[in-house]
Amino acid sequence: MIRGKRLLMELYREDSGQDVLEYALIGAFTILVAIAAVQGVGNALVNQWNNISSVVSDAAAGN
């Protein structure tokens, strides 16, 4: 138990991994933003494609 507590205290005081954690958080945030952007663009493209499809269908039907 004492050894585990000492190990936890050493890990708590150690700050060499702080940069890695910060880069990981920045990377995760960037990935989330990219996913949201791609989904937004994808939805806009689907809507535009559906509009074009309905116009072409209406023109083919003679409406």
C-alpha atoms as a PDB file:
ATOM      1  CA  MET A   1       0.000   0.000   0.000  1.00  0.00           C
ATOM      2  CA  ILE A   2       2.803   2.414   0.887  1.00  0.00           C
ATOM      3  CA  ARG A   3       4.615   1.606  -2.351  1.00  0.00           C
ATOM      4  CA  GLY A   4       1.446   2.268  -4.379  1.00  0.00           C
ATOM      5  CA  LYS A   5       0.876   5.552  -2.605  1.00  0.00           C
ATOM      6  CA  ARG A   6       4.485   6.590  -3.219  1.00  0.00           C
ATOM      7  CA  LEU A   7       4.151   5.683  -6.906  1.00  0.00           C
ATOM      8  CA  LEU A   8       0.977   7.753  -7.218  1.00  0.00           C
ATOM      9  CA  MET A   9       2.655  10.726  -5.574  1.00  0.00           C
ATOM     10  CA  GLU A  10       5.627  10.459  -7.936  1.00  0.00           C
ATOM     11  CA  LEU A  11       3.325  10.288 -10.933  1.00  0.00           C
ATOM     12  CA  TYR A  12       1.365  13.266  -9.616  1.00  0.00           C
ATOM     13  CA  ARG A  13       4.525  15.349  -9.257  1.00  0.00           C
ATOM     14  CA  GLU A  14       5.962  14.263 -12.606  1.00  0.00           C
ATOM     15  CA  ASP A  15       5.135  16.807 -15.310  1.00  0.00           C
ATOM     16  CA  SER A  16       7.110  15.484 -18.283  1.00  0.00           C
ATOM     17  CA  GLY A  17       3.953  13.907 -19.724  1.00  0.00           C
ATOM     18  CA  GLN A  18       2.049  17.169 -19.553  1.00  0.00           C
ATOM     19  CA  ASP A  19       3.027  18.198 -23.091  1.00  0.00           C
ATOM     20  CA  VAL A  20       1.913  14.852 -24.481  1.00  0.00           C
ATOM     21  CA  LEU A  21      -1.454  15.215 -22.789  1.00  0.00           C
ATOM     22  CA  GLU A  22      -1.890  18.747 -24.124  1.00  0.00           C
ATOM     23  CA  TYR A  23      -1.066  17.606 -27.665  1.00  0.00           C
ATOM     24  CA  ALA A  24      -3.476  14.700 -27.315  1.00  0.00           C
ATOM     25  CA  LEU A  25      -6.263  17.038 -26.196  1.00  0.00           C
ATOM     26  CA  ILE A  26      -5.560  19.444 -29.056  1.00  0.00           C
ATOM     27  CA  GLY A  27      -5.562  16.531 -31.492  1.00  0.00           C
ATOM     28  CA  ALA A  28      -8.848  15.179 -30.136  1.00  0.00           C
ATOM     29  CA  PHE A  29     -10.457  18.618 -30.335  1.00  0.00           C
ATOM     30  CA  THR A  30      -9.216  19.057 -33.910  1.00  0.00           C
ATOM     31  CA  ILE A  31     -10.641  15.679 -34.886  1.00  0.00           C
ATOM     32  CA  LEU A  32     -14.022  16.545 -33.348  1.00  0.00           C
ATOM     33  CA  VAL A  33     -14.141  19.853 -35.230  1.00  0.00           C
ATOM     34  CA  ALA A  34     -13.182  18.102 -38.483  1.00  0.00           C
ATOM     35  CA  ILE A  35     -15.903  15.478 -38.012  1.00  0.00           C
ATOM     36  CA  ALA A  36     -18.511  18.169 -37.356  1.00  0.00           C
ATOM     37  CA  ALA A  37     -17.397  20.118 -40.434  1.00  0.00           C
ATOM     38  CA  VAL A  38     -17.485  17.070 -42.694  1.00  0.00           C
ATOM     39  CA  GLN A  39     -20.946  16.131 -41.428  1.00  0.00           C
ATOM     40  CA  GLY A  40     -22.205  19.657 -42.054  1.00  0.00           C
ATOM     41  CA  VAL A  41     -20.817  19.737 -45.574  1.00  0.00           C
ATOM     42  CA  GLY A  42     -22.142  16.245 -46.226  1.00  0.00           C
ATOM     43  CA  ASN A  43     -25.647  17.220 -45.136  1.00  0.00           C
ATOM     44  CA  ALA A  44     -25.542  20.332 -47.316  1.00  0.00           C
ATOM     45  CA  LEU A  45     -24.426  18.258 -50.312  1.00  0.00           C
ATOM     46  CA  VAL A  46     -27.194  15.706 -49.759  1.00  0.00           C
ATOM     47  CA  ASN A  47     -29.791  18.480 -49.593  1.00  0.00           C
ATOM     48  CA  GLN A  48     -28.430  20.080 -52.772  1.00  0.00           C
ATOM     49  CA  TRP A  49     -28.373  16.720 -54.569  1.00  0.00           C
ATOM     50  CA  ASN A  50     -31.988  16.064 -53.546  1.00  0.00           C
ATOM     51  CA  ASN A  51     -33.030  19.492 -54.859  1.00  0.00           C
ATOM     52  CA  ILE A  52     -31.312  18.851 -58.194  1.00  0.00           C
ATOM     53  CA  SER A  53     -32.848  15.393 -58.387  1.00  0.00           C
ATOM     54  CA  SER A  54     -36.368  16.711 -57.827  1.00  0.00           C
ATOM     55  CA  VAL A  55     -35.905  19.459 -60.454  1.00  0.00           C
ATOM     56  CA  VAL A  56     -34.664  16.926 -63.013  1.00  0.00           C
ATOM     57  CA  SER A  57     -37.517  14.517 -62.154  1.00  0.00           C
ATOM     58  CA  ASP A  58     -40.070  17.301 -62.513  1.00  0.00           C
ATOM     59  CA  ALA A  59     -38.579  18.339 -65.863  1.00  0.00           C
ATOM     60  CA  ALA A  60     -38.625  14.744 -67.110  1.00  0.00           C
ATOM     61  CA  ALA A  61     -42.268  14.388 -66.065  1.00  0.00           C
ATOM     62  CA  GLY A  62     -43.141  17.591 -67.919  1.00  0.00           C
ATOM     63  CA  ASN A  63     -44.073  19.628 -64.834  1.00  0.00           C
END
